[in-house]
């Protein structure tokens, strides 16, 4: 090679190497960019990953849901249904449908008939609450499946509701399925402020339910005087419930003729319930015995106590310990005074407040009084969690 050309060739090689380094550096930088920033710039993103106090949460972006192939059935049941989140063979899929259908009112349908396909199945019902699943995304990540969703469990029904979701997949049966709950912007804000997706100052009263036991069949109106605080009711509350109360404890809604066994509502609480100097500390494993004993003292019948326990047991027994205190009549009436066009001879209102505890605390044992059930009796029970 001509000696005069060698410097030019070396210069071109150096320039080419610099150009290659710049290109590779750009690619490396792109792939090391925080994915959260990419998500934020992507209008099609359904969620972003957020780190709060060392824990990962998922914030929902917009209202997009998963557009892939799947089928969802909803159903009603008074019994808990096995919580299912796994990949099943076709035969296992049919077996799960049969087991769920043996416990429910209505029917989960065999929507798919492909024997060569496997199915991701998600199912849940606790026997007393309204529950719903909104499927946001379903993705493969390595050797497992990630489900992003918005599962809502709230309120109460005479029979609880549930869902059964089936998603066809080519992934093998038995592989890991991970569920990731997606929160709204407001819920994420509350996690940052209060370490919970809920605003603790917006306490709600769960399932105040009212039974009426007259000495004779009577028509009457039942009114909730803080009606502006009602968040849910059945029958739907407008300006009072107009009902026929029977000596059999059955109720009839006068406008529709619908038969009922109780009146139900939920409401925002005007009281900021907290742990006080008195109350009870109860192990989760001992909740049943505790409630059976205390509810009898508070004047509930075995049937009323059973319905109370069925509703609250799943929330209390999973905790290591619970602080429990029953609100006073004054506290209950402050939240939601009741008015009856025909006054009951005995009015029993039970409102349990509770808080999950990891360790025992010392409190003075609350003194409870037993009411007298006589004549026309009205009974209400409900509860609220101390946030």
Protein backbone atom coordinates (compact mmCIF):
# COMPACT_ATOMS: atom_id res chain seq x y z
CA UNK A 1 0.00 0.00 0.00
CA UNK A 2 1.18 3.50 -0.83
CA UNK A 3 2.67 5.06 2.34
CA UNK A 4 0.74 8.29 1.67
CA UNK A 5 -2.61 6.39 1.78
CA UNK A 6 -1.95 4.60 5.12
CA UNK A 7 -2.77 7.61 7.38
CA UNK A 8 -5.98 8.22 5.43
CA UNK A 9 -7.04 4.58 5.82
CA UNK A 10 -6.25 4.61 9.55
CA UNK A 11 -8.24 7.83 9.92
CA UNK A 12 -11.25 6.31 8.16
CA UNK A 13 -11.07 3.22 10.39
CA UNK A 14 -10.96 5.38 13.52
CA UNK A 15 -13.96 7.42 12.31
CA UNK A 16 -15.84 4.21 11.51
CA UNK A 17 -15.09 2.77 14.97
CA UNK A 18 -16.26 5.96 16.66
CA UNK A 19 -19.48 5.83 14.62
CA UNK A 20 -20.07 2.19 15.61
CA UNK A 21 -19.43 3.00 19.30
CA UNK A 22 -21.94 5.87 19.15
CA UNK A 23 -24.58 3.62 17.60
CA UNK A 24 -24.00 0.82 20.12
CA UNK A 25 -24.01 3.32 22.96
CA UNK A 26 -27.40 4.63 21.84
CA UNK A 27 -28.83 1.14 21.69
CA UNK A 28 -27.42 0.32 25.14
CA UNK A 29 -28.84 3.54 26.56
CA UNK A 30 -32.29 2.81 25.09
CA UNK A 31 -32.45 -0.66 26.58
CA UNK A 32 -31.35 0.63 29.95
CA UNK A 33 -33.89 3.45 30.05
CA UNK A 34 -36.32 3.16 32.96
CA UNK A 35 -39.27 1.22 31.56
CA UNK A 36 -41.61 3.30 33.69
CA UNK A 37 -40.67 6.34 31.56
CA UNK A 38 -41.37 4.41 28.36
CA UNK A 39 -44.76 3.33 29.73
CA UNK A 40 -45.59 6.92 30.57
CA UNK A 41 -44.86 7.98 26.99
CA UNK A 42 -46.91 5.14 25.53
CA UNK A 43 -50.56 6.07 25.06
CA UNK A 44 -51.46 2.37 24.78
CA UNK A 45 -50.04 1.46 28.20
CA UNK A 46 -52.60 -0.01 30.63
CA UNK A 47 -50.48 0.20 33.80
CA UNK A 48 -47.13 1.33 35.15
CA UNK A 49 -44.89 -0.10 37.85
CA UNK A 50 -44.33 2.11 40.88
CA UNK A 51 -42.01 1.57 43.84
CA UNK A 52 -43.33 2.80 47.22
CA UNK A 53 -41.25 2.23 50.36
CA UNK A 54 -39.42 -0.64 48.71
CA UNK A 55 -42.60 -2.41 47.56
CA UNK A 56 -43.85 -2.63 43.98
CA UNK A 57 -47.36 -1.49 43.11
CA UNK A 58 -49.10 -1.24 39.76
CA UNK A 59 -51.00 1.89 38.79
CA UNK A 60 -53.72 1.60 36.21
CA UNK A 61 -53.49 3.99 33.27
CA UNK A 62 -56.79 4.81 31.60
CA UNK A 63 -59.65 2.35 31.31
CA UNK A 64 -58.29 -0.12 28.74
CA UNK A 65 -59.00 -3.82 29.33
CA UNK A 66 -57.45 -6.93 27.85
CA UNK A 67 -58.65 -7.62 24.30
CA UNK A 68 -57.44 -11.21 24.15
CA UNK A 69 -59.66 -14.27 23.99
CA UNK A 70 -61.36 -15.20 27.26
CA UNK A 71 -64.75 -15.93 28.80
CA UNK A 72 -66.15 -14.80 32.16
CA UNK A 73 -69.20 -16.09 34.00
CA UNK A 74 -70.65 -14.45 37.10
CA UNK A 75 -72.75 -16.35 39.57
CA UNK A 76 -74.41 -16.22 43.00
CA UNK A 77 -73.69 -18.44 45.95
CA UNK A 78 -74.13 -18.57 49.69
CA UNK A 79 -71.00 -20.73 50.01
CA UNK A 80 -67.31 -19.89 49.60
CA UNK A 81 -65.85 -21.14 46.31
CA UNK A 82 -62.30 -22.42 45.96
CA UNK A 83 -59.97 -19.58 44.99
CA UNK A 84 -58.53 -20.78 41.66
CA UNK A 85 -55.58 -19.24 39.82
CA UNK A 86 -53.77 -21.85 37.74
CA UNK A 87 -53.22 -23.32 34.29
CA UNK A 88 -55.34 -26.44 33.77
CA UNK A 89 -55.64 -29.16 31.18
CA UNK A 90 -58.94 -29.50 29.37
CA UNK A 91 -60.05 -32.32 31.70
CA UNK A 92 -59.09 -30.26 34.77
CA UNK A 93 -60.96 -27.27 33.35
CA UNK A 94 -64.14 -29.36 33.07
CA UNK A 95 -63.61 -30.74 36.59
CA UNK A 96 -63.33 -27.22 38.07
CA UNK A 97 -66.55 -26.16 36.33
CA UNK A 98 -68.37 -29.15 37.81
CA UNK A 99 -67.08 -28.44 41.33
CA UNK A 100 -68.00 -24.75 41.19
CA UNK A 101 -71.46 -25.50 39.80
CA UNK A 102 -72.14 -27.82 42.74
CA UNK A 103 -71.86 -24.82 45.10
CA UNK A 104 -73.60 -22.02 43.24
CA UNK A 105 -76.94 -20.69 42.08
CA UNK A 106 -76.85 -20.46 38.30
CA UNK A 107 -74.27 -22.10 36.13
CA UNK A 108 -70.70 -21.67 34.96
CA UNK A 109 -70.80 -22.72 31.32
CA UNK A 110 -68.37 -24.90 29.45
CA UNK A 111 -67.54 -22.19 26.95
CA UNK A 112 -64.57 -23.97 25.37
CA UNK A 113 -64.43 -27.44 23.83
CA UNK A 114 -60.87 -27.65 22.50
CA UNK A 115 -59.42 -30.77 24.14
CA UNK A 116 -55.92 -29.91 22.88
CA UNK A 117 -55.83 -26.53 24.62
CA UNK A 118 -54.97 -25.69 28.21
CA UNK A 119 -56.80 -22.97 30.16
CA UNK A 120 -55.83 -20.27 32.60
CA UNK A 121 -58.62 -20.29 35.19
CA UNK A 122 -59.35 -17.61 37.77
CA UNK A 123 -62.31 -18.03 40.11
CA UNK A 124 -63.38 -16.53 43.42
CA UNK A 125 -66.42 -16.12 45.68
CA UNK A 126 -66.50 -15.85 49.47
CA UNK A 127 -70.22 -16.51 49.88
CA UNK A 128 -71.35 -13.12 51.15
CA UNK A 129 -69.83 -10.20 49.22
CA UNK A 130 -70.32 -8.70 45.82
CA UNK A 131 -67.17 -9.40 43.82
CA UNK A 132 -66.06 -8.70 40.27
CA UNK A 133 -62.91 -9.04 38.16
CA UNK A 134 -61.90 -6.65 35.39
CA UNK A 135 -59.15 -8.28 33.33
CA UNK A 136 -56.61 -5.64 32.32
CA UNK A 137 -53.81 -7.73 30.80
CA UNK A 138 -52.53 -11.31 30.47
CA UNK A 139 -48.90 -11.74 29.43
CA UNK A 140 -46.21 -14.41 29.32
CA UNK A 141 -43.08 -13.56 31.28
CA UNK A 142 -40.41 -16.23 31.06
CA UNK A 143 -41.87 -19.50 32.30
CA UNK A 144 -44.91 -18.00 34.03
CA UNK A 145 -48.09 -16.09 33.26
CA UNK A 146 -48.79 -12.65 34.70
CA UNK A 147 -52.39 -11.50 35.15
CA UNK A 148 -53.07 -7.80 35.67
CA UNK A 149 -56.53 -7.07 36.98
CA UNK A 150 -58.82 -4.97 39.11
CA UNK A 151 -60.58 -7.24 41.59
CA UNK A 152 -63.35 -5.56 43.56
CA UNK A 153 -64.80 -7.21 46.67
CA UNK A 154 -67.33 -5.06 48.46
CA UNK A 155 -70.81 -4.79 49.84
CA UNK A 156 -72.99 -7.72 50.74
CA UNK A 157 -75.85 -9.72 49.27
CA UNK A 158 -78.25 -12.31 50.66
CA UNK A 159 -76.22 -14.65 48.44
CA UNK A 160 -72.68 -13.58 47.54
CA UNK A 161 -71.50 -13.25 43.96
CA UNK A 162 -68.42 -14.61 42.23
CA UNK A 163 -66.62 -14.91 38.92
CA UNK A 164 -65.13 -17.72 36.82
CA UNK A 165 -62.70 -16.73 34.08
CA UNK A 166 -61.21 -19.11 31.50
CA UNK A 167 -58.42 -18.06 29.09
CA UNK A 168 -57.23 -20.50 26.39
CA UNK A 169 -53.42 -20.83 26.37
CA UNK A 170 -50.61 -22.85 24.81
CA UNK A 171 -48.64 -22.68 28.06
CA UNK A 172 -48.30 -26.06 29.84
CA UNK A 173 -50.64 -27.03 32.67
CA UNK A 174 -49.27 -26.47 36.15
CA UNK A 175 -46.96 -23.54 35.41
CA UNK A 176 -46.92 -20.56 37.75
CA UNK A 177 -49.59 -17.87 37.49
CA UNK A 178 -48.97 -14.54 39.23
CA UNK A 179 -51.72 -11.99 39.84
CA UNK A 180 -50.95 -8.26 40.03
CA UNK A 181 -53.63 -5.91 41.32
CA UNK A 182 -53.77 -2.57 39.49
CA UNK A 183 -54.74 0.52 41.50
CA UNK A 184 -56.13 3.85 40.37
CA UNK A 185 -54.13 7.07 40.67
CA UNK A 186 -56.16 8.01 43.76
CA UNK A 187 -55.53 4.62 45.39
CA UNK A 188 -51.79 4.89 44.71
CA UNK A 189 -51.86 8.36 46.28
CA UNK A 190 -53.49 6.87 49.39
CA UNK A 191 -50.84 4.11 49.52
CA UNK A 192 -48.17 6.82 49.60
CA UNK A 193 -50.00 8.79 52.30
CA UNK A 194 -51.51 6.07 54.46
CA UNK A 195 -49.85 2.78 53.43
CA UNK A 196 -53.25 1.56 52.20
CA UNK A 197 -55.15 2.16 48.93
CA UNK A 198 -58.05 3.54 50.95
CA UNK A 199 -58.34 6.92 52.61
CA UNK A 200 -58.66 6.10 56.32
CA UNK A 201 -60.68 9.26 56.91
CA UNK A 202 -63.38 7.99 54.58
CA UNK A 203 -64.53 5.22 56.90
CA UNK A 204 -67.65 3.36 55.83
CA UNK A 205 -70.13 1.26 57.74
CA UNK A 206 -70.42 -2.22 56.23
CA UNK A 207 -73.70 -4.07 55.97
CA UNK A 208 -75.94 -2.44 58.47
CA UNK A 209 -78.83 -4.87 58.01
CA UNK A 210 -82.21 -4.40 59.70
CA UNK A 211 -84.61 -7.15 60.80
CA UNK A 212 -88.15 -6.46 62.00
CA UNK A 213 -90.18 -8.74 64.30
CA UNK A 214 -93.69 -7.29 64.93
CA UNK A 215 -96.37 -8.85 67.13
CA UNK A 216 -98.85 -8.44 64.26
CA UNK A 217 -98.58 -7.76 60.55
CA UNK A 218 -98.07 -3.99 60.14
CA UNK A 219 -97.33 -1.53 57.37
CA UNK A 220 -94.68 1.01 58.28
CA UNK A 221 -91.97 3.31 56.98
CA UNK A 222 -88.33 2.99 58.01
CA UNK A 223 -86.16 6.07 57.48
CA UNK A 224 -82.40 6.70 57.60
CA UNK A 225 -82.08 10.32 58.65
CA UNK A 226 -78.53 10.82 57.31
CA UNK A 227 -79.58 9.58 53.89
CA UNK A 228 -76.98 11.75 52.14
CA UNK A 229 -74.28 9.48 53.60
CA UNK A 230 -75.72 6.28 52.07
CA UNK A 231 -73.37 4.66 49.55
CA UNK A 232 -75.35 1.49 48.82
CA UNK A 233 -78.77 0.13 49.71
CA UNK A 234 -81.21 -2.66 48.96
CA UNK A 235 -84.02 -2.20 48.29
CA UNK A 236 -82.86 1.10 46.83
CA UNK A 237 -83.40 3.81 49.40
CA UNK A 238 -85.12 7.02 48.31
CA UNK A 239 -87.17 8.72 51.01
CA UNK A 240 -87.68 5.74 53.27
CA UNK A 241 -88.58 2.08 52.93
CA UNK A 242 -92.34 1.46 52.73
CA UNK A 243 -92.85 -2.12 53.86
CA UNK A 244 -95.22 -4.69 55.29
CA UNK A 245 -93.59 -6.39 58.28
CA UNK A 246 -95.02 -9.81 59.08
CA UNK A 247 -95.05 -11.80 62.30
CA UNK A 248 -93.04 -14.46 60.42
CA UNK A 249 -90.16 -11.92 60.25
CA UNK A 250 -90.66 -11.63 56.49
CA UNK A 251 -90.86 -8.21 54.84
CA UNK A 252 -92.73 -7.14 51.72
CA UNK A 253 -91.80 -4.00 49.79
CA UNK A 254 -95.16 -2.31 49.27
CA UNK A 255 -94.32 -0.64 45.96
CA UNK A 256 -93.05 -3.76 44.19
CA UNK A 257 -94.49 -6.63 46.25
CA UNK A 258 -90.98 -8.04 46.50
CA UNK A 259 -90.37 -10.39 49.42
CA UNK A 260 -87.41 -9.56 51.63
CA UNK A 261 -85.91 -10.89 54.82
CA UNK A 262 -84.10 -7.67 55.84
CA UNK A 263 -83.27 -4.08 54.86
CA UNK A 264 -79.69 -3.32 53.91
CA UNK A 265 -77.54 -0.22 53.49
CA UNK A 266 -73.95 0.98 53.69
CA UNK A 267 -72.89 4.51 54.48
CA UNK A 268 -70.01 6.85 55.15
CA UNK A 269 -69.20 7.13 58.82
CA UNK A 270 -69.43 10.43 60.66
CA UNK A 271 -67.26 8.98 63.44
CA UNK A 272 -63.52 8.48 63.05
CA UNK A 273 -63.37 5.23 65.00
CA UNK A 274 -60.01 4.54 66.66
CA UNK A 275 -58.47 2.14 69.15
CA UNK A 276 -59.69 3.21 72.58
CA UNK A 277 -58.81 2.29 76.15
CA UNK A 278 -61.47 -0.43 76.23
CA UNK A 279 -62.36 -3.22 73.85
CA UNK A 280 -61.09 -6.75 73.23
CA UNK A 281 -57.97 -8.27 71.67
CA UNK A 282 -58.87 -11.53 69.96
CA UNK A 283 -56.71 -14.05 68.10
CA UNK A 284 -57.87 -14.73 64.56
CA UNK A 285 -58.12 -18.41 65.43
CA UNK A 286 -60.49 -17.64 68.34
CA UNK A 287 -62.85 -15.23 66.59
CA UNK A 288 -65.77 -17.67 66.22
CA UNK A 289 -65.99 -18.49 69.92
CA UNK A 290 -65.59 -14.82 70.83
CA UNK A 291 -68.35 -13.61 68.50
CA UNK A 292 -70.76 -16.38 69.49
CA UNK A 293 -70.38 -15.35 73.13
CA UNK A 294 -70.45 -11.55 72.73
CA UNK A 295 -73.25 -11.38 70.16
CA UNK A 296 -75.49 -13.38 72.51
CA UNK A 297 -74.68 -10.88 75.25
CA UNK A 298 -75.57 -8.03 72.88
CA UNK A 299 -79.00 -9.55 72.25
CA UNK A 300 -78.70 -11.20 68.83
CA UNK A 301 -80.51 -14.46 68.14
CA UNK A 302 -78.54 -17.46 66.89
CA UNK A 303 -79.68 -16.79 63.31
CA UNK A 304 -78.72 -13.11 63.47
CA UNK A 305 -75.38 -14.01 65.05
CA UNK A 306 -74.76 -16.66 62.40
CA UNK A 307 -75.26 -14.16 59.59
CA UNK A 308 -73.02 -11.66 61.37
CA UNK A 309 -70.26 -14.27 61.80
CA UNK A 310 -70.54 -15.53 58.21
CA UNK A 311 -70.03 -11.99 56.97
CA UNK A 312 -67.16 -10.91 59.25
CA UNK A 313 -65.29 -14.18 59.85
CA UNK A 314 -63.23 -14.13 56.61
CA UNK A 315 -61.93 -10.66 57.47
CA UNK A 316 -61.10 -11.41 61.10
CA UNK A 317 -59.78 -14.95 61.17
CA UNK A 318 -56.94 -14.24 58.72
CA UNK A 319 -55.41 -11.72 61.14
CA UNK A 320 -52.96 -12.73 63.85
CA UNK A 321 -54.87 -10.59 66.35
CA UNK A 322 -57.85 -8.23 66.16
CA UNK A 323 -58.75 -5.23 68.25
CA UNK A 324 -62.55 -5.33 68.53
CA UNK A 325 -64.87 -2.84 70.18
CA UNK A 326 -68.63 -2.54 69.92
CA UNK A 327 -69.83 1.03 69.39
CA UNK A 328 -72.15 2.57 71.96
CA UNK A 329 -75.78 3.41 71.20
CA UNK A 330 -74.85 7.10 71.17
CA UNK A 331 -72.09 6.53 68.59
CA UNK A 332 -74.36 4.45 66.37
CA UNK A 333 -77.20 6.98 66.52
CA UNK A 334 -74.80 9.80 65.70
CA UNK A 335 -73.81 8.04 62.49
CA UNK A 336 -77.27 7.04 61.32
CA UNK A 337 -80.39 7.75 63.38
CA UNK A 338 -83.33 5.48 62.52
CA UNK A 339 -86.96 6.59 62.34
CA UNK A 340 -89.98 4.25 62.34
CA UNK A 341 -93.54 5.30 61.59
CA UNK A 342 -94.51 2.59 64.08
CA UNK A 343 -92.02 2.64 66.93
CA UNK A 344 -90.58 -0.73 67.99
CA UNK A 345 -90.78 -1.68 71.68
CA UNK A 346 -87.18 -2.89 71.54
CA UNK A 347 -84.44 -1.51 69.27
CA UNK A 348 -81.13 -3.41 69.23
CA UNK A 349 -78.25 -1.93 67.22
CA UNK A 350 -74.87 -3.68 67.08
CA UNK A 351 -71.90 -2.02 65.38
CA UNK A 352 -68.51 -3.76 65.60
CA UNK A 353 -65.32 -1.77 65.01
CA UNK A 354 -62.10 -3.68 64.46
CA UNK A 355 -58.45 -3.30 63.51
CA UNK A 356 -55.92 -5.89 62.38
CA UNK A 357 -53.02 -6.34 64.82
CA UNK A 358 -49.72 -8.14 64.32
CA UNK A 359 -49.05 -8.33 68.07
CA UNK A 360 -51.17 -8.18 71.22
CA UNK A 361 -51.90 -4.86 72.89
CA UNK A 362 -53.23 -4.13 76.36
CA UNK A 363 -56.78 -2.75 76.58
CA UNK A 364 -59.40 -2.65 79.30
CA UNK A 365 -62.16 -5.22 78.67
CA UNK A 366 -65.28 -3.49 77.35
CA UNK A 367 -68.40 -3.85 79.49
CA UNK A 368 -71.40 -4.93 77.41
CA UNK A 369 -75.06 -4.68 78.35
CA UNK A 370 -77.76 -7.14 77.34
CA UNK A 371 -80.96 -5.54 76.00
CA UNK A 372 -84.44 -6.92 76.64
CA UNK A 373 -86.28 -8.24 73.57
CA UNK A 374 -89.98 -7.61 74.11
CA UNK A 375 -92.97 -6.72 71.96
CA UNK A 376 -92.20 -5.34 68.48
CA UNK A 377 -88.43 -5.85 68.07
CA UNK A 378 -86.14 -4.17 65.51
CA UNK A 379 -82.55 -5.41 65.19
CA UNK A 380 -79.66 -3.94 63.22
CA UNK A 381 -76.05 -5.12 62.94
CA UNK A 382 -73.06 -3.87 61.01
CA UNK A 383 -69.40 -3.06 61.38
CA UNK A 384 -66.44 -1.01 60.20
CA UNK A 385 -62.69 -1.40 59.97
CA UNK A 386 -60.45 1.04 61.82
CA UNK A 387 -58.06 2.10 59.06
